[in-house]
Amino acid sequence: MRSTRTLFNSAALSVVMLASMLAANSAHAAGKITLMVGGYEKQIYLPAKLAEGLGYFKDEGLDVELLNEPAGVDAENQLLAGAVQGVVGFYDHCVDLQAKGKFVESVVQFSQAPGEVELVSAKHPEIKSIADFKGHSAGVTGLGSSTNFLTQYMANKAGLKSGDVTSVPVGAGTTFIAAMQQDAIQVGMTTEPTISRLLKTKEATVLVDMRTMEGARQALGGTYPAASLYMETSWVDAHKDDTQKLANAFVKTLRFINTHSGAEIADKMPKEYYVGDKEGYVKALDEGKAMFTADGVMPEDGPKTVLSVLSSFSKNMQGKQIDLSKTYTTEFVKKVM
C-alpha cells in the first residue's frame, strides 16, 4: 500500500513539475522583449521606431518594448546587467566587449556607415583640422560611447596624444546644441537631426562627414558598420525563435527604408522627431538613408575596419586576440523571406 502511495505521489509530483515547466515556457513565449535604443530620435537608429510604427513586431507575434538611452555605452551596460534583452547601438561595442571577456553579437546590421559628423563651433574658425583640437573640448554622447571611440581614433590619427583633447559627454539633440552654444564644447560628434539643426542656424560647420560610405572610408580607412541590433550571444543561443522573429521584423524594416522616400519614411515616425522642421528631417533622410543595409547582413570588410580603428588607440585592445566571427552573426537575417 505504501509503495502504491509513493508511486502515486511521485507521479503527481512529476505532473506538477511538467505543468510548471510548460507554464514557464508559455509565459516566456508571451513575454515582453525589451530593447534599449541609444537615442531613438536619432536617424541612425530609425529602424527601431519605424519597425514599431509599421507594426512589424506585432506581425511576428512579438511584444517589444523600446526604451530610450541617449548614450550607447549606458545601453550596453543595461544589456550586460540583464535589464534588457538587446540594444540598438553601434557594432563596435561588440568588438570592444570581447576584449573585456564579454560576448555580444550583431544580429541585424542596420548600417554600413556611422552616420556621424564632426562639427566645429562657428565661434572657433581657427579650428580647421583634427590637429587643431589640441587644448579644446570635444562633445561626445557619453564616455566610452562610439562617438568617443571615433573621436579618439581621429585625434590619434592626427598625431594628438591622450589628454590633448578633453572628451565631454553631452548627449545629442538639445543638450549637444546647448553645450556648443555655451562654448562648453568647441567641436563635437553627432548625428541627424542635430547636424541639420546646427547647420541651419549657422552655429556650426562640418569638418568630417561620415554620413556616407565614401565619407566613412576616407575618415576611417574602410567600411565601418555602425548601427545594429546587438545581443548577448548566450541569450541568442537560448532564444533562437525570438531572435529570428526580431530579425524578420528588422529586415523587413530595412527593405521598407530601401524602397521608400524620405518623406514616406518620415510620415511613419513620431512627429516630435522632426523638431519643428519636417522639411529638414526629410532632406537629411533622403541624403543619408543609403547608409542603411537592405538586408541586415554584415558588410564583409566591415569588422576588420572596426577592429583596426579600436586597436589604434584603445589600451583595452592591446595584446588581445579578437575573434571577429563571434562579434556578429548572419544566421538569422539570411533566413528572412
C-alpha atoms as a PDB file:
ATOM      1  CA  MET A   1       0.000   0.000   0.000  1.00  0.00           C
ATOM      2  CA  ARG A   2       2.806   2.350   0.968  1.00  0.00           C
ATOM      3  CA  SER A   3       4.562   1.501  -2.276  1.00  0.00           C
ATOM      4  CA  THR A   4       1.439   2.322  -4.278  1.00  0.00           C
ATOM      5  CA  ARG A   5       1.003   5.627  -2.450  1.00  0.00           C
ATOM      6  CA  THR A   6       4.651   6.551  -3.038  1.00  0.00           C
ATOM      7  CA  LEU A   7       4.312   5.758  -6.725  1.00  0.00           C
ATOM      8  CA  PHE A   8       1.169   7.865  -6.915  1.00  0.00           C
ATOM      9  CA  ASN A   9       2.826  10.801  -5.135  1.00  0.00           C
ATOM     10  CA  SER A  10       5.853  10.611  -7.424  1.00  0.00           C
ATOM     11  CA  ALA A  11       3.635  10.583 -10.480  1.00  0.00           C
ATOM     12  CA  ALA A  12       1.639  13.525  -9.151  1.00  0.00           C
ATOM     13  CA  LEU A  13       4.832  15.455  -8.451  1.00  0.00           C
ATOM     14  CA  SER A  14       6.056  14.766 -11.981  1.00  0.00           C
ATOM     15  CA  VAL A  15       2.796  16.094 -13.413  1.00  0.00           C
ATOM     16  CA  VAL A  16       3.066  19.261 -11.313  1.00  0.00           C
ATOM     17  CA  MET A  17       6.697  19.810 -12.383  1.00  0.00           C
ATOM     18  CA  LEU A  18       5.816  19.291 -16.052  1.00  0.00           C
ATOM     19  CA  ALA A  19       2.907  21.698 -15.757  1.00  0.00           C
ATOM     20  CA  SER A  20       5.195  24.312 -14.173  1.00  0.00           C
ATOM     21  CA  MET A  21       7.739  23.923 -16.959  1.00  0.00           C
ATOM     22  CA  LEU A  22       5.058  24.280 -19.622  1.00  0.00           C
ATOM     23  CA  ALA A  23       3.651  27.347 -17.863  1.00  0.00           C
ATOM     24  CA  ALA A  24       7.104  28.924 -17.683  1.00  0.00           C
ATOM     25  CA  ASN A  25       7.690  28.299 -21.386  1.00  0.00           C
ATOM     26  CA  SER A  26       4.275  29.705 -22.210  1.00  0.00           C
ATOM     27  CA  ALA A  27       4.968  32.780 -20.125  1.00  0.00           C
ATOM     28  CA  HIS A  28       8.254  33.356 -21.944  1.00  0.00           C
ATOM     29  CA  ALA A  29       6.614  32.887 -25.329  1.00  0.00           C
ATOM     30  CA  ALA A  30       4.091  35.555 -24.446  1.00  0.00           C
ATOM     31  CA  GLY A  31       6.670  37.646 -22.589  1.00  0.00           C
ATOM     32  CA  LYS A  32       7.981  41.077 -23.384  1.00  0.00           C
ATOM     33  CA  ILE A  33      11.299  41.647 -25.146  1.00  0.00           C
ATOM     34  CA  THR A  34      12.898  44.908 -24.107  1.00  0.00           C
ATOM     35  CA  LEU A  35      15.324  46.681 -26.404  1.00  0.00           C
ATOM     36  CA  MET A  36      17.374  49.677 -25.326  1.00  0.00           C
ATOM     37  CA  VAL A  37      17.932  52.221 -28.099  1.00  0.00           C
ATOM     38  CA  GLY A  38      20.888  54.609 -27.941  1.00  0.00           C
ATOM     39  CA  GLY A  39      18.630  57.576 -28.684  1.00  0.00           C
ATOM     40  CA  TYR A  40      15.663  56.513 -30.787  1.00  0.00           C
ATOM     41  CA  GLU A  41      15.044  60.001 -32.151  1.00  0.00           C
ATOM     42  CA  LYS A  42      18.405  59.766 -33.966  1.00  0.00           C
ATOM     43  CA  GLN A  43      18.087  58.900 -37.646  1.00  0.00           C
ATOM     44  CA  ILE A  44      20.895  56.338 -37.377  1.00  0.00           C
ATOM     45  CA  TYR A  45      18.634  54.292 -35.080  1.00  0.00           C
ATOM     46  CA  LEU A  46      15.463  54.991 -37.054  1.00  0.00           C
ATOM     47  CA  PRO A  47      14.754  51.275 -37.803  1.00  0.00           C
ATOM     48  CA  ALA A  48      13.742  50.678 -34.173  1.00  0.00           C
ATOM     49  CA  LYS A  49      10.829  53.115 -34.044  1.00  0.00           C
ATOM     50  CA  LEU A  50       9.988  52.526 -37.703  1.00  0.00           C
ATOM     51  CA  ALA A  51       9.594  48.766 -37.145  1.00  0.00           C
ATOM     52  CA  GLU A  52       7.255  49.557 -34.274  1.00  0.00           C
ATOM     53  CA  GLY A  53       5.296  52.105 -36.323  1.00  0.00           C
ATOM     54  CA  LEU A  54       4.911  49.721 -39.266  1.00  0.00           C
ATOM     55  CA  GLY A  55       3.567  47.033 -36.954  1.00  0.00           C
ATOM     56  CA  TYR A  56       6.287  44.542 -37.880  1.00  0.00           C
ATOM     57  CA  PHE A  57       6.909  43.428 -34.292  1.00  0.00           C
ATOM     58  CA  LYS A  58       3.229  42.623 -33.842  1.00  0.00           C
ATOM     59  CA  ASP A  59       3.168  40.833 -37.195  1.00  0.00           C
ATOM     60  CA  GLU A  60       5.792  38.476 -35.756  1.00  0.00           C
ATOM     61  CA  GLY A  61       3.764  37.938 -32.586  1.00  0.00           C
ATOM     62  CA  LEU A  62       6.288  39.855 -30.506  1.00  0.00           C
ATOM     63  CA  ASP A  63       5.644  42.185 -27.597  1.00  0.00           C
ATOM     64  CA  VAL A  64       8.610  44.550 -27.912  1.00  0.00           C
ATOM     65  CA  GLU A  65       9.225  47.473 -25.599  1.00  0.00           C
ATOM     66  CA  LEU A  66      11.661  50.156 -26.760  1.00  0.00           C
ATOM     67  CA  LEU A  67      13.487  52.118 -24.088  1.00  0.00           C
ATOM     68  CA  ASN A  68      15.458  55.276 -24.796  1.00  0.00           C
ATOM     69  CA  GLU A  69      19.020  55.822 -23.588  1.00  0.00           C
ATOM     70  CA  PRO A  70      20.861  58.750 -25.222  1.00  0.00           C
ATOM     71  CA  ALA A  71      24.353  57.252 -24.787  1.00  0.00           C
ATOM     72  CA  GLY A  72      25.180  53.893 -26.341  1.00  0.00           C
ATOM     73  CA  VAL A  73      27.618  52.976 -23.584  1.00  0.00           C
ATOM     74  CA  ASP A  74      24.818  53.183 -20.999  1.00  0.00           C
ATOM     75  CA  ALA A  75      22.611  50.986 -23.186  1.00  0.00           C
ATOM     76  CA  GLU A  76      25.453  48.468 -23.319  1.00  0.00           C
ATOM     77  CA  ASN A  77      25.639  48.463 -19.511  1.00  0.00           C
ATOM     78  CA  GLN A  78      21.908  47.772 -19.263  1.00  0.00           C
ATOM     79  CA  LEU A  79      22.342  44.759 -21.547  1.00  0.00           C
ATOM     80  CA  LEU A  80      25.193  43.317 -19.506  1.00  0.00           C
ATOM     81  CA  ALA A  81      23.172  43.831 -16.325  1.00  0.00           C
ATOM     82  CA  GLY A  82      20.348  41.754 -17.798  1.00  0.00           C
ATOM     83  CA  ALA A  83      17.885  44.646 -17.664  1.00  0.00           C
ATOM     84  CA  VAL A  84      17.221  44.434 -21.422  1.00  0.00           C
ATOM     85  CA  GLN A  85      17.465  41.670 -24.000  1.00  0.00           C
ATOM     86  CA  GLY A  86      19.003  43.701 -26.805  1.00  0.00           C
ATOM     87  CA  VAL A  87      20.493  47.035 -27.761  1.00  0.00           C
ATOM     88  CA  VAL A  88      20.072  49.141 -30.867  1.00  0.00           C
ATOM     89  CA  GLY A  89      23.533  50.655 -30.936  1.00  0.00           C
ATOM     90  CA  PHE A  90      26.899  50.595 -32.690  1.00  0.00           C
ATOM     91  CA  TYR A  91      28.526  47.311 -33.650  1.00  0.00           C
ATOM     92  CA  ASP A  92      31.909  48.469 -32.335  1.00  0.00           C
ATOM     93  CA  HIS A  93      30.684  47.696 -28.796  1.00  0.00           C
ATOM     94  CA  CYS A  94      30.649  44.001 -29.758  1.00  0.00           C
ATOM     95  CA  VAL A  95      34.356  44.163 -30.585  1.00  0.00           C
ATOM     96  CA  ASP A  96      35.249  46.272 -27.551  1.00  0.00           C
ATOM     97  CA  LEU A  97      33.357  43.995 -25.168  1.00  0.00           C
ATOM     98  CA  GLN A  98      35.043  40.829 -26.415  1.00  0.00           C
ATOM     99  CA  ALA A  99      38.359  42.354 -25.341  1.00  0.00           C
ATOM    100  CA  LYS A 100      36.809  42.559 -21.858  1.00  0.00           C
ATOM    101  CA  GLY A 101      35.713  38.920 -21.949  1.00  0.00           C
ATOM    102  CA  LYS A 102      32.062  39.631 -22.802  1.00  0.00           C
ATOM    103  CA  PHE A 103      30.443  38.037 -25.833  1.00  0.00           C
ATOM    104  CA  VAL A 104      27.768  40.031 -27.610  1.00  0.00           C
ATOM    105  CA  GLU A 105      26.972  39.925 -31.309  1.00  0.00           C
ATOM    106  CA  SER A 106      25.318  41.988 -34.003  1.00  0.00           C
ATOM    107  CA  VAL A 107      22.219  40.038 -35.036  1.00  0.00           C
ATOM    108  CA  VAL A 108      20.928  42.548 -37.590  1.00  0.00           C
ATOM    109  CA  GLN A 109      23.326  45.065 -39.118  1.00  0.00           C
ATOM    110  CA  PHE A 110      21.368  48.245 -39.810  1.00  0.00           C
ATOM    111  CA  SER A 111      24.035  50.463 -41.314  1.00  0.00           C
ATOM    112  CA  GLN A 112      27.349  50.350 -43.128  1.00  0.00           C
ATOM    113  CA  ALA A 113      28.478  53.881 -42.212  1.00  0.00           C
ATOM    114  CA  PRO A 114      28.422  55.716 -38.863  1.00  0.00           C
ATOM    115  CA  GLY A 115      26.038  58.480 -39.958  1.00  0.00           C
ATOM    116  CA  GLU A 116      28.063  60.820 -37.733  1.00  0.00           C
ATOM    117  CA  VAL A 117      29.607  64.224 -38.387  1.00  0.00           C
ATOM    118  CA  GLU A 118      32.368  66.085 -36.565  1.00  0.00           C
ATOM    119  CA  LEU A 119      31.126  69.641 -36.168  1.00  0.00           C
ATOM    120  CA  VAL A 120      33.117  72.762 -35.332  1.00  0.00           C
ATOM    121  CA  SER A 121      31.511  75.647 -33.485  1.00  0.00           C
ATOM    122  CA  ALA A 122      31.178  78.812 -35.568  1.00  0.00           C
ATOM    123  CA  LYS A 123      32.787  80.599 -32.606  1.00  0.00           C
ATOM    124  CA  HIS A 124      36.079  78.851 -33.398  1.00  0.00           C
ATOM    125  CA  PRO A 125      37.061  79.456 -37.026  1.00  0.00           C
ATOM    126  CA  GLU A 126      40.683  78.772 -36.033  1.00  0.00           C
ATOM    127  CA  ILE A 127      39.866  75.037 -35.884  1.00  0.00           C
ATOM    128  CA  LYS A 128      40.442  73.857 -39.432  1.00  0.00           C
ATOM    129  CA  SER A 129      41.618  70.269 -38.876  1.00  0.00           C
ATOM    130  CA  ILE A 130      41.553  67.499 -36.274  1.00  0.00           C
ATOM    131  CA  ALA A 131      45.102  68.502 -35.249  1.00  0.00           C
ATOM    132  CA  ASP A 132      43.646  71.855 -34.169  1.00  0.00           C
ATOM    133  CA  PHE A 133      41.570  70.083 -31.490  1.00  0.00           C
ATOM    134  CA  LYS A 134      44.542  70.262 -29.121  1.00  0.00           C
ATOM    135  CA  GLY A 135      43.584  72.113 -25.963  1.00  0.00           C
ATOM    136  CA  HIS A 136      39.875  72.049 -26.812  1.00  0.00           C
ATOM    137  CA  SER A 137      36.822  70.159 -25.576  1.00  0.00           C
ATOM    138  CA  ALA A 138      35.100  67.661 -27.872  1.00  0.00           C
ATOM    139  CA  GLY A 139      31.473  66.744 -27.390  1.00  0.00           C
ATOM    140  CA  VAL A 140      30.535  63.044 -27.413  1.00  0.00           C
ATOM    141  CA  THR A 141      27.315  61.306 -26.443  1.00  0.00           C
ATOM    142  CA  GLY A 142      28.994  59.578 -23.492  1.00  0.00           C
ATOM    143  CA  LEU A 143      32.414  58.482 -22.299  1.00  0.00           C
ATOM    144  CA  GLY A 144      33.032  55.028 -23.762  1.00  0.00           C
ATOM    145  CA  SER A 145      30.408  55.640 -26.449  1.00  0.00           C
ATOM    146  CA  SER A 146      31.003  55.081 -30.153  1.00  0.00           C
ATOM    147  CA  THR A 147      31.301  58.835 -30.748  1.00  0.00           C
ATOM    148  CA  ASN A 148      34.030  58.813 -28.091  1.00  0.00           C
ATOM    149  CA  PHE A 149      35.757  55.884 -29.865  1.00  0.00           C
ATOM    150  CA  LEU A 150      35.704  57.668 -33.231  1.00  0.00           C
ATOM    151  CA  THR A 151      36.852  60.980 -31.769  1.00  0.00           C
ATOM    152  CA  GLN A 152      39.808  59.283 -30.066  1.00  0.00           C
ATOM    153  CA  TYR A 153      40.700  57.476 -33.288  1.00  0.00           C
ATOM    154  CA  MET A 154      40.726  60.653 -35.369  1.00  0.00           C
ATOM    155  CA  ALA A 155      42.724  62.541 -32.737  1.00  0.00           C
ATOM    156  CA  ASN A 156      45.293  59.754 -32.568  1.00  0.00           C
ATOM    157  CA  LYS A 157      45.487  59.614 -36.373  1.00  0.00           C
ATOM    158  CA  ALA A 158      46.138  63.372 -36.422  1.00  0.00           C
ATOM    159  CA  GLY A 159      49.123  62.922 -34.101  1.00  0.00           C
ATOM    160  CA  LEU A 160      47.455  64.108 -30.907  1.00  0.00           C
ATOM    161  CA  LYS A 161      48.245  62.414 -27.614  1.00  0.00           C
ATOM    162  CA  SER A 162      45.931  61.225 -24.876  1.00  0.00           C
ATOM    163  CA  GLY A 163      44.944  64.290 -22.881  1.00  0.00           C
ATOM    164  CA  ASP A 164      45.396  66.751 -25.734  1.00  0.00           C
ATOM    165  CA  VAL A 165      41.622  66.737 -26.270  1.00  0.00           C
ATOM    166  CA  THR A 166      39.042  66.631 -23.495  1.00  0.00           C
ATOM    167  CA  SER A 167      36.013  64.454 -24.268  1.00  0.00           C
ATOM    168  CA  VAL A 168      32.835  65.892 -22.758  1.00  0.00           C
ATOM    169  CA  PRO A 169      29.657  63.765 -22.526  1.00  0.00           C
ATOM    170  CA  VAL A 170      26.840  65.982 -23.812  1.00  0.00           C
ATOM    171  CA  GLY A 171      24.360  63.547 -25.345  1.00  0.00           C
ATOM    172  CA  ALA A 172      22.638  64.621 -28.549  1.00  0.00           C
ATOM    173  CA  GLY A 173      19.890  66.965 -29.674  1.00  0.00           C
ATOM    174  CA  THR A 174      19.095  69.865 -27.338  1.00  0.00           C
ATOM    175  CA  THR A 175      21.845  69.066 -24.815  1.00  0.00           C
ATOM    176  CA  PHE A 176      24.518  68.871 -27.529  1.00  0.00           C
ATOM    177  CA  ILE A 177      23.326  72.134 -29.087  1.00  0.00           C
ATOM    178  CA  ALA A 178      23.278  73.906 -25.710  1.00  0.00           C
ATOM    179  CA  ALA A 179      26.828  72.744 -24.955  1.00  0.00           C
ATOM    180  CA  MET A 180      28.061  74.194 -28.237  1.00  0.00           C
ATOM    181  CA  GLN A 181      26.117  77.427 -27.806  1.00  0.00           C
ATOM    182  CA  GLN A 182      27.573  77.889 -24.313  1.00  0.00           C
ATOM    183  CA  ASP A 183      31.103  77.075 -25.550  1.00  0.00           C
ATOM    184  CA  ALA A 184      31.316  74.084 -23.205  1.00  0.00           C
ATOM    185  CA  ILE A 185      32.493  72.243 -26.306  1.00  0.00           C
ATOM    186  CA  GLN A 186      34.245  73.720 -29.316  1.00  0.00           C
ATOM    187  CA  VAL A 187      33.882  70.626 -31.512  1.00  0.00           C
ATOM    188  CA  GLY A 188      31.632  67.601 -31.298  1.00  0.00           C
ATOM    189  CA  MET A 189      30.430  64.451 -32.982  1.00  0.00           C
ATOM    190  CA  THR A 190      26.728  63.991 -33.534  1.00  0.00           C
ATOM    191  CA  THR A 191      24.116  62.709 -35.947  1.00  0.00           C
ATOM    192  CA  GLU A 192      20.875  63.760 -37.626  1.00  0.00           C
ATOM    193  CA  PRO A 193      18.697  65.651 -36.918  1.00  0.00           C
ATOM    194  CA  THR A 194      21.112  67.507 -34.600  1.00  0.00           C
ATOM    195  CA  ILE A 195      23.506  68.126 -37.506  1.00  0.00           C
ATOM    196  CA  SER A 196      20.877  69.847 -39.646  1.00  0.00           C
ATOM    197  CA  ARG A 197      19.652  71.963 -36.750  1.00  0.00           C
ATOM    198  CA  LEU A 198      23.113  73.443 -36.126  1.00  0.00           C
ATOM    199  CA  LEU A 199      23.911  73.898 -39.807  1.00  0.00           C
ATOM    200  CA  LYS A 200      20.596  75.647 -40.404  1.00  0.00           C
ATOM    201  CA  THR A 201      21.321  78.236 -37.708  1.00  0.00           C
ATOM    202  CA  LYS A 202      24.939  78.532 -38.907  1.00  0.00           C
ATOM    203  CA  GLU A 203      26.193  77.803 -35.389  1.00  0.00           C
ATOM    204  CA  ALA A 204      28.496  75.044 -36.657  1.00  0.00           C
ATOM    205  CA  THR A 205      30.291  73.796 -39.753  1.00  0.00           C
ATOM    206  CA  VAL A 206      31.164  70.279 -40.903  1.00  0.00           C
ATOM    207  CA  LEU A 207      34.770  69.171 -40.525  1.00  0.00           C
ATOM    208  CA  VAL A 208      34.455  65.395 -41.042  1.00  0.00           C
ATOM    209  CA  ASP A 209      31.385  63.838 -42.662  1.00  0.00           C
ATOM    210  CA  MET A 210      30.717  60.128 -42.105  1.00  0.00           C
ATOM    211  CA  ARG A 211      27.093  60.061 -43.211  1.00  0.00           C
ATOM    212  CA  THR A 212      28.000  58.148 -46.367  1.00  0.00           C
ATOM    213  CA  MET A 213      30.051  55.022 -47.027  1.00  0.00           C
ATOM    214  CA  GLU A 214      32.575  57.042 -49.027  1.00  0.00           C
ATOM    215  CA  GLY A 215      32.933  59.632 -46.265  1.00  0.00           C
ATOM    216  CA  ALA A 216      33.429  56.858 -43.711  1.00  0.00           C
ATOM    217  CA  ARG A 217      36.099  55.189 -45.857  1.00  0.00           C
ATOM    218  CA  GLN A 218      38.015  58.449 -46.144  1.00  0.00           C
ATOM    219  CA  ALA A 219      37.857  59.127 -42.408  1.00  0.00           C
ATOM    220  CA  LEU A 220      38.237  55.608 -41.051  1.00  0.00           C
ATOM    221  CA  GLY A 221      40.103  53.676 -43.737  1.00  0.00           C
ATOM    222  CA  GLY A 222      37.316  51.323 -44.777  1.00  0.00           C
ATOM    223  CA  THR A 223      33.683  50.302 -44.449  1.00  0.00           C
ATOM    224  CA  TYR A 224      32.547  50.973 -40.877  1.00  0.00           C
ATOM    225  CA  PRO A 225      29.409  49.010 -39.891  1.00  0.00           C
ATOM    226  CA  ALA A 226      27.670  51.006 -37.212  1.00  0.00           C
ATOM    227  CA  ALA A 227      24.020  50.883 -36.084  1.00  0.00           C
ATOM    228  CA  SER A 228      22.836  47.358 -35.334  1.00  0.00           C
ATOM    229  CA  LEU A 229      20.715  45.183 -33.093  1.00  0.00           C
ATOM    230  CA  TYR A 230      23.202  43.500 -30.805  1.00  0.00           C
ATOM    231  CA  MET A 231      22.500  40.937 -28.097  1.00  0.00           C
ATOM    232  CA  GLU A 232      24.396  38.683 -25.724  1.00  0.00           C
ATOM    233  CA  THR A 233      25.421  35.514 -27.547  1.00  0.00           C
ATOM    234  CA  SER A 234      24.146  33.351 -24.677  1.00  0.00           C
ATOM    235  CA  TRP A 235      20.658  34.901 -24.976  1.00  0.00           C
ATOM    236  CA  VAL A 236      20.603  34.439 -28.742  1.00  0.00           C
ATOM    237  CA  ASP A 237      21.610  30.787 -28.432  1.00  0.00           C
ATOM    238  CA  ALA A 238      18.865  30.161 -25.868  1.00  0.00           C
ATOM    239  CA  HIS A 239      16.123  32.085 -27.743  1.00  0.00           C
ATOM    240  CA  LYS A 240      16.585  31.369 -31.420  1.00  0.00           C
ATOM    241  CA  ASP A 241      12.863  31.597 -32.263  1.00  0.00           C
ATOM    242  CA  ASP A 242      12.513  35.070 -30.729  1.00  0.00           C
ATOM    243  CA  THR A 243      15.782  36.183 -32.321  1.00  0.00           C
ATOM    244  CA  GLN A 244      14.554  35.038 -35.731  1.00  0.00           C
ATOM    245  CA  LYS A 245      11.323  36.970 -35.277  1.00  0.00           C
ATOM    246  CA  LEU A 246      13.266  40.117 -34.376  1.00  0.00           C
ATOM    247  CA  ALA A 247      15.438  39.629 -37.451  1.00  0.00           C
ATOM    248  CA  ASN A 248      12.324  39.197 -39.598  1.00  0.00           C
ATOM    249  CA  ALA A 249      10.859  42.469 -38.327  1.00  0.00           C
ATOM    250  CA  PHE A 250      14.037  44.487 -38.737  1.00  0.00           C
ATOM    251  CA  VAL A 251      14.998  43.167 -42.172  1.00  0.00           C
ATOM    252  CA  LYS A 252      11.501  43.985 -43.420  1.00  0.00           C
ATOM    253  CA  THR A 253      12.016  47.486 -41.974  1.00  0.00           C
ATOM    254  CA  LEU A 254      15.338  47.866 -43.796  1.00  0.00           C
ATOM    255  CA  ARG A 255      13.637  46.812 -47.024  1.00  0.00           C
ATOM    256  CA  PHE A 256      10.990  49.479 -46.426  1.00  0.00           C
ATOM    257  CA  ILE A 257      13.707  52.129 -45.962  1.00  0.00           C
ATOM    258  CA  ASN A 258      15.426  50.935 -49.133  1.00  0.00           C
ATOM    259  CA  THR A 259      12.270  51.176 -51.253  1.00  0.00           C
ATOM    260  CA  HIS A 260      10.629  54.343 -49.909  1.00  0.00           C
ATOM    261  CA  SER A 261      11.417  58.055 -49.987  1.00  0.00           C
ATOM    262  CA  GLY A 262      12.481  60.137 -47.027  1.00  0.00           C
ATOM    263  CA  ALA A 263       9.028  61.726 -46.951  1.00  0.00           C
ATOM    264  CA  GLU A 264       7.272  58.348 -46.877  1.00  0.00           C
ATOM    265  CA  ILE A 265       9.532  57.162 -44.068  1.00  0.00           C
ATOM    266  CA  ALA A 266       9.105  60.383 -42.094  1.00  0.00           C
ATOM    267  CA  ASP A 267       5.334  60.011 -42.216  1.00  0.00           C
ATOM    268  CA  LYS A 268       5.686  56.782 -40.225  1.00  0.00           C
ATOM    269  CA  MET A 269       7.791  58.400 -37.497  1.00  0.00           C
ATOM    270  CA  PRO A 270       6.627  60.346 -34.411  1.00  0.00           C
ATOM    271  CA  LYS A 271       6.178  63.985 -35.386  1.00  0.00           C
ATOM    272  CA  GLU A 272       8.230  65.249 -32.438  1.00  0.00           C
ATOM    273  CA  TYR A 273      11.311  63.749 -34.094  1.00  0.00           C
ATOM    274  CA  TYR A 274      11.091  66.471 -36.762  1.00  0.00           C
ATOM    275  CA  VAL A 275      11.929  69.051 -34.042  1.00  0.00           C
ATOM    276  CA  GLY A 276       9.747  71.596 -35.815  1.00  0.00           C
ATOM    277  CA  ASP A 277      11.450  71.123 -39.183  1.00  0.00           C
ATOM    278  CA  LYS A 278       9.924  68.272 -41.172  1.00  0.00           C
ATOM    279  CA  GLU A 279      11.436  69.533 -44.423  1.00  0.00           C
ATOM    280  CA  GLY A 280      14.934  69.403 -42.926  1.00  0.00           C
ATOM    281  CA  TYR A 281      14.241  65.975 -41.411  1.00  0.00           C
ATOM    282  CA  VAL A 282      13.111  64.580 -44.771  1.00  0.00           C
ATOM    283  CA  LYS A 283      16.068  66.142 -46.593  1.00  0.00           C
ATOM    284  CA  ALA A 284      18.506  64.568 -44.150  1.00  0.00           C
ATOM    285  CA  LEU A 285      16.791  61.202 -44.588  1.00  0.00           C
ATOM    286  CA  ASP A 286      16.912  61.350 -48.376  1.00  0.00           C
ATOM    287  CA  GLU A 287      20.596  62.259 -48.305  1.00  0.00           C
ATOM    288  CA  GLY A 288      21.572  59.745 -45.633  1.00  0.00           C
ATOM    289  CA  LYS A 289      19.376  56.661 -45.932  1.00  0.00           C
ATOM    290  CA  ALA A 290      21.851  54.961 -48.286  1.00  0.00           C
ATOM    291  CA  MET A 291      23.899  54.189 -45.159  1.00  0.00           C
ATOM    292  CA  PHE A 292      21.336  51.526 -44.238  1.00  0.00           C
ATOM    293  CA  THR A 293      21.805  47.979 -45.464  1.00  0.00           C
ATOM    294  CA  ALA A 294      18.936  46.490 -47.460  1.00  0.00           C
ATOM    295  CA  ASP A 295      19.193  43.044 -45.869  1.00  0.00           C
ATOM    296  CA  GLY A 296      20.710  43.349 -42.396  1.00  0.00           C
ATOM    297  CA  VAL A 297      23.842  41.459 -43.450  1.00  0.00           C
ATOM    298  CA  MET A 298      27.210  42.498 -42.051  1.00  0.00           C
ATOM    299  CA  PRO A 299      29.444  44.026 -44.786  1.00  0.00           C
ATOM    300  CA  GLU A 300      32.234  41.527 -45.391  1.00  0.00           C
ATOM    301  CA  ASP A 301      35.065  44.029 -44.954  1.00  0.00           C
ATOM    302  CA  GLY A 302      33.442  45.914 -42.073  1.00  0.00           C
ATOM    303  CA  PRO A 303      34.532  44.099 -38.900  1.00  0.00           C
ATOM    304  CA  LYS A 304      38.241  44.342 -39.710  1.00  0.00           C
ATOM    305  CA  THR A 305      37.924  48.117 -40.143  1.00  0.00           C
ATOM    306  CA  VAL A 306      36.276  48.423 -36.745  1.00  0.00           C
ATOM    307  CA  LEU A 307      38.997  46.291 -35.148  1.00  0.00           C
ATOM    308  CA  SER A 308      41.695  48.388 -36.815  1.00  0.00           C
ATOM    309  CA  VAL A 309      40.121  51.635 -35.598  1.00  0.00           C
ATOM    310  CA  LEU A 310      39.730  50.464 -31.994  1.00  0.00           C
ATOM    311  CA  SER A 311      43.174  48.859 -31.869  1.00  0.00           C
ATOM    312  CA  SER A 312      44.853  52.100 -32.954  1.00  0.00           C
ATOM    313  CA  PHE A 313      44.076  53.953 -29.704  1.00  0.00           C
ATOM    314  CA  SER A 314      42.386  51.666 -27.157  1.00  0.00           C
ATOM    315  CA  LYS A 315      44.579  50.285 -24.367  1.00  0.00           C
ATOM    316  CA  ASN A 316      41.777  47.803 -23.748  1.00  0.00           C
ATOM    317  CA  MET A 317      42.550  46.145 -27.102  1.00  0.00           C
ATOM    318  CA  GLN A 318      46.296  45.848 -26.654  1.00  0.00           C
ATOM    319  CA  GLY A 319      47.551  42.261 -26.504  1.00  0.00           C
ATOM    320  CA  LYS A 320      44.050  40.853 -27.034  1.00  0.00           C
ATOM    321  CA  GLN A 321      43.146  38.317 -29.696  1.00  0.00           C
ATOM    322  CA  ILE A 322      39.701  39.184 -31.071  1.00  0.00           C
ATOM    323  CA  ASP A 323      37.668  36.542 -32.906  1.00  0.00           C
ATOM    324  CA  LEU A 324      35.635  38.759 -35.219  1.00  0.00           C
ATOM    325  CA  SER A 325      33.447  35.821 -36.306  1.00  0.00           C
ATOM    326  CA  LYS A 326      31.978  35.866 -32.783  1.00  0.00           C
ATOM    327  CA  THR A 327      31.078  39.561 -32.895  1.00  0.00           C
ATOM    328  CA  TYR A 328      28.252  39.153 -35.413  1.00  0.00           C
ATOM    329  CA  THR A 329      26.006  36.532 -36.975  1.00  0.00           C
ATOM    330  CA  THR A 330      24.185  36.335 -40.304  1.00  0.00           C
ATOM    331  CA  GLU A 331      22.323  33.167 -39.286  1.00  0.00           C
ATOM    332  CA  PHE A 332      19.004  34.905 -38.797  1.00  0.00           C
ATOM    333  CA  VAL A 333      18.960  37.683 -41.402  1.00  0.00           C
ATOM    334  CA  LYS A 334      19.745  35.207 -44.184  1.00  0.00           C
ATOM    335  CA  LYS A 335      16.637  33.210 -43.303  1.00  0.00           C
ATOM    336  CA  VAL A 336      14.265  36.150 -43.701  1.00  0.00           C
ATOM    337  CA  MET A 337      11.851  35.548 -46.579  1.00  0.00           C
END
